[in-house]
């Protein structure tokens, strides 16, 4: 199934990229090697219905569903996914762009990404 992906607002993309760079700097400070592929978590919040639609389409975007969390405040639930990838600048920009497209396509709110630092040595 191919879907037409919406154009991401450049200002929004820039705003996310500023935040992403903070995360990347922290990872680098912890000895992370950005080229090492690892599970990167992303989360979205939205109505039950919209999250369900996203859940059904997730693998189109290379996402695997991890977990669903109810908001303690009784607000909208969160849905967590992971994607296996590197975290160099370009890979993260691609991930963020995809997540912002998901936001528009499914009317959910993208809530950022995270991962464990990978030093490239196997434990």
C-alpha atoms as a PDB file:
ATOM      1  CA  UNK A   1       0.000   0.000   0.000  1.00  0.00           C
ATOM      2  CA  UNK A   2       1.618   3.259  -0.993  1.00  0.00           C
ATOM      3  CA  UNK A   3       0.424   6.407   0.658  1.00  0.00           C
ATOM      4  CA  UNK A   4       1.097   9.960  -0.348  1.00  0.00           C
ATOM      5  CA  UNK A   5       3.253  11.444   2.380  1.00  0.00           C
ATOM      6  CA  UNK A   6       2.463  15.004   3.380  1.00  0.00           C
ATOM      7  CA  UNK A   7       5.090  17.727   3.233  1.00  0.00           C
ATOM      8  CA  UNK A   8       6.579  18.512   6.615  1.00  0.00           C
ATOM      9  CA  UNK A   9       6.545  22.125   7.786  1.00  0.00           C
ATOM     10  CA  UNK A  10      10.207  23.279   7.555  1.00  0.00           C
ATOM     11  CA  UNK A  11       9.889  25.402  10.712  1.00  0.00           C
ATOM     12  CA  UNK A  12       8.590  22.413  12.672  1.00  0.00           C
ATOM     13  CA  UNK A  13      11.339  20.220  11.218  1.00  0.00           C
ATOM     14  CA  UNK A  14      13.954  22.796  12.266  1.00  0.00           C
ATOM     15  CA  UNK A  15      12.526  22.974  15.788  1.00  0.00           C
ATOM     16  CA  UNK A  16      12.667  19.182  16.146  1.00  0.00           C
ATOM     17  CA  UNK A  17      16.184  19.107  14.693  1.00  0.00           C
ATOM     18  CA  UNK A  18      17.397  21.548  17.382  1.00  0.00           C
ATOM     19  CA  UNK A  19      16.022  19.184  20.045  1.00  0.00           C
ATOM     20  CA  UNK A  20      17.439  16.134  18.221  1.00  0.00           C
ATOM     21  CA  UNK A  21      20.910  17.645  18.215  1.00  0.00           C
ATOM     22  CA  UNK A  22      20.783  17.929  22.015  1.00  0.00           C
ATOM     23  CA  UNK A  23      20.005  14.238  22.275  1.00  0.00           C
ATOM     24  CA  UNK A  24      22.781  13.416  19.795  1.00  0.00           C
ATOM     25  CA  UNK A  25      25.292  15.532  21.756  1.00  0.00           C
ATOM     26  CA  UNK A  26      24.371  13.710  24.968  1.00  0.00           C
ATOM     27  CA  UNK A  27      24.793  10.359  23.254  1.00  0.00           C
ATOM     28  CA  UNK A  28      28.179  11.413  21.851  1.00  0.00           C
ATOM     29  CA  UNK A  29      29.253  12.564  25.318  1.00  0.00           C
ATOM     30  CA  UNK A  30      28.476   9.029  26.510  1.00  0.00           C
ATOM     31  CA  UNK A  31      30.815   7.531  23.905  1.00  0.00           C
ATOM     32  CA  UNK A  32      28.088   6.680  21.419  1.00  0.00           C
ATOM     33  CA  UNK A  33      29.087   5.591  17.922  1.00  0.00           C
ATOM     34  CA  UNK A  34      26.280   6.975  15.775  1.00  0.00           C
ATOM     35  CA  UNK A  35      26.863   4.507  12.941  1.00  0.00           C
ATOM     36  CA  UNK A  36      26.015   1.501  15.123  1.00  0.00           C
ATOM     37  CA  UNK A  37      22.457   0.388  14.407  1.00  0.00           C
ATOM     38  CA  UNK A  38      20.248  -0.039  17.433  1.00  0.00           C
ATOM     39  CA  UNK A  39      16.619   0.058  18.516  1.00  0.00           C
ATOM     40  CA  UNK A  40      15.390   3.645  18.588  1.00  0.00           C
ATOM     41  CA  UNK A  41      12.129   4.264  20.441  1.00  0.00           C
ATOM     42  CA  UNK A  42       9.551   6.786  19.287  1.00  0.00           C
ATOM     43  CA  UNK A  43       6.251   7.648  20.894  1.00  0.00           C
ATOM     44  CA  UNK A  44       2.985   9.212  19.824  1.00  0.00           C
ATOM     45  CA  UNK A  45      -0.102  10.233  21.733  1.00  0.00           C
ATOM     46  CA  UNK A  46      -3.597  10.566  20.410  1.00  0.00           C
ATOM     47  CA  UNK A  47      -7.113   9.217  20.499  1.00  0.00           C
ATOM     48  CA  UNK A  48      -7.582   5.462  20.855  1.00  0.00           C
ATOM     49  CA  UNK A  49      -8.972   5.401  17.321  1.00  0.00           C
ATOM     50  CA  UNK A  50      -6.087   7.288  15.691  1.00  0.00           C
ATOM     51  CA  UNK A  51      -3.456   5.264  17.563  1.00  0.00           C
ATOM     52  CA  UNK A  52      -5.200   2.101  16.388  1.00  0.00           C
ATOM     53  CA  UNK A  53      -4.970   3.261  12.764  1.00  0.00           C
ATOM     54  CA  UNK A  54      -1.295   4.074  13.253  1.00  0.00           C
ATOM     55  CA  UNK A  55      -0.721   0.702  14.887  1.00  0.00           C
ATOM     56  CA  UNK A  56      -2.139  -1.046  11.814  1.00  0.00           C
ATOM     57  CA  UNK A  57       0.063   0.960   9.433  1.00  0.00           C
ATOM     58  CA  UNK A  58       3.219   1.029  11.587  1.00  0.00           C
ATOM     59  CA  UNK A  59       5.301  -1.440   9.614  1.00  0.00           C
ATOM     60  CA  UNK A  60       4.814   0.653   6.473  1.00  0.00           C
ATOM     61  CA  UNK A  61       7.117   3.089   8.280  1.00  0.00           C
ATOM     62  CA  UNK A  62       9.495   0.424   9.552  1.00  0.00           C
ATOM     63  CA  UNK A  63       8.094   0.735  13.070  1.00  0.00           C
ATOM     64  CA  UNK A  64       7.432  -2.131  15.467  1.00  0.00           C
ATOM     65  CA  UNK A  65       4.899  -1.586  18.222  1.00  0.00           C
ATOM     66  CA  UNK A  66       6.365  -1.919  21.712  1.00  0.00           C
ATOM     67  CA  UNK A  67       3.890  -0.722  24.235  1.00  0.00           C
ATOM     68  CA  UNK A  68       0.806   1.312  24.972  1.00  0.00           C
ATOM     69  CA  UNK A  69       0.531   3.530  28.003  1.00  0.00           C
ATOM     70  CA  UNK A  70      -2.474   5.249  29.470  1.00  0.00           C
ATOM     71  CA  UNK A  71      -1.949   8.840  30.519  1.00  0.00           C
ATOM     72  CA  UNK A  72      -2.021   9.069  34.335  1.00  0.00           C
ATOM     73  CA  UNK A  73      -3.901  12.371  34.063  1.00  0.00           C
ATOM     74  CA  UNK A  74      -6.648  10.645  32.121  1.00  0.00           C
ATOM     75  CA  UNK A  75      -5.520  12.354  28.918  1.00  0.00           C
ATOM     76  CA  UNK A  76      -4.872  10.603  25.627  1.00  0.00           C
ATOM     77  CA  UNK A  77      -2.914   7.346  25.606  1.00  0.00           C
ATOM     78  CA  UNK A  78       0.629   6.973  24.274  1.00  0.00           C
ATOM     79  CA  UNK A  79       1.836   4.374  21.819  1.00  0.00           C
ATOM     80  CA  UNK A  80       5.516   3.389  21.721  1.00  0.00           C
ATOM     81  CA  UNK A  81       7.313   1.965  18.708  1.00  0.00           C
ATOM     82  CA  UNK A  82      10.866   1.058  17.853  1.00  0.00           C
ATOM     83  CA  UNK A  83      12.845   1.206  14.669  1.00  0.00           C
ATOM     84  CA  UNK A  84      16.228  -0.421  14.168  1.00  0.00           C
ATOM     85  CA  UNK A  85      18.623   2.166  12.751  1.00  0.00           C
ATOM     86  CA  UNK A  86      21.780   4.235  13.136  1.00  0.00           C
ATOM     87  CA  UNK A  87      21.645   7.641  14.829  1.00  0.00           C
ATOM     88  CA  UNK A  88      23.896   9.739  12.611  1.00  0.00           C
ATOM     89  CA  UNK A  89      22.463  13.146  11.701  1.00  0.00           C
ATOM     90  CA  UNK A  90      20.913  12.016   8.401  1.00  0.00           C
ATOM     91  CA  UNK A  91      19.290   8.894   9.887  1.00  0.00           C
ATOM     92  CA  UNK A  92      17.746  10.925  12.684  1.00  0.00           C
ATOM     93  CA  UNK A  93      16.519  13.619  10.297  1.00  0.00           C
ATOM     94  CA  UNK A  94      14.860  10.887   8.244  1.00  0.00           C
ATOM     95  CA  UNK A  95      13.275   9.392  11.355  1.00  0.00           C
ATOM     96  CA  UNK A  96      12.004  12.766  12.545  1.00  0.00           C
ATOM     97  CA  UNK A  97      10.590  13.612   9.120  1.00  0.00           C
ATOM     98  CA  UNK A  98       8.776  10.259   9.060  1.00  0.00           C
ATOM     99  CA  UNK A  99       7.370  10.859  12.545  1.00  0.00           C
ATOM    100  CA  UNK A 100       6.134  14.332  11.602  1.00  0.00           C
ATOM    101  CA  UNK A 101       4.455  12.838   8.520  1.00  0.00           C
ATOM    102  CA  UNK A 102       2.829  10.219  10.747  1.00  0.00           C
ATOM    103  CA  UNK A 103       1.617  13.041  12.968  1.00  0.00           C
ATOM    104  CA  UNK A 104      -0.204  14.623  10.043  1.00  0.00           C
ATOM    105  CA  UNK A 105      -1.453  11.409   8.453  1.00  0.00           C
ATOM    106  CA  UNK A 106      -2.917   9.940  11.634  1.00  0.00           C
ATOM    107  CA  UNK A 107      -3.715  13.091  13.591  1.00  0.00           C
ATOM    108  CA  UNK A 108      -1.523  12.068  16.537  1.00  0.00           C
ATOM    109  CA  UNK A 109       1.142  13.976  18.439  1.00  0.00           C
ATOM    110  CA  UNK A 110       4.781  12.928  17.991  1.00  0.00           C
ATOM    111  CA  UNK A 111       6.529  12.839  21.344  1.00  0.00           C
ATOM    112  CA  UNK A 112      10.183  12.371  20.438  1.00  0.00           C
ATOM    113  CA  UNK A 113      12.706   9.541  20.243  1.00  0.00           C
ATOM    114  CA  UNK A 114      15.351   7.987  22.429  1.00  0.00           C
ATOM    115  CA  UNK A 115      17.860   5.157  22.513  1.00  0.00           C
ATOM    116  CA  UNK A 116      20.714   3.665  24.496  1.00  0.00           C
ATOM    117  CA  UNK A 117      24.246   4.865  23.726  1.00  0.00           C
ATOM    118  CA  UNK A 118      26.199   2.248  21.733  1.00  0.00           C
ATOM    119  CA  UNK A 119      29.965   2.279  22.107  1.00  0.00           C
ATOM    120  CA  UNK A 120      30.290  -0.370  19.440  1.00  0.00           C
ATOM    121  CA  UNK A 121      31.744  -2.935  21.846  1.00  0.00           C
ATOM    122  CA  UNK A 122      29.619  -5.992  22.440  1.00  0.00           C
ATOM    123  CA  UNK A 123      28.772  -6.608  26.088  1.00  0.00           C
END
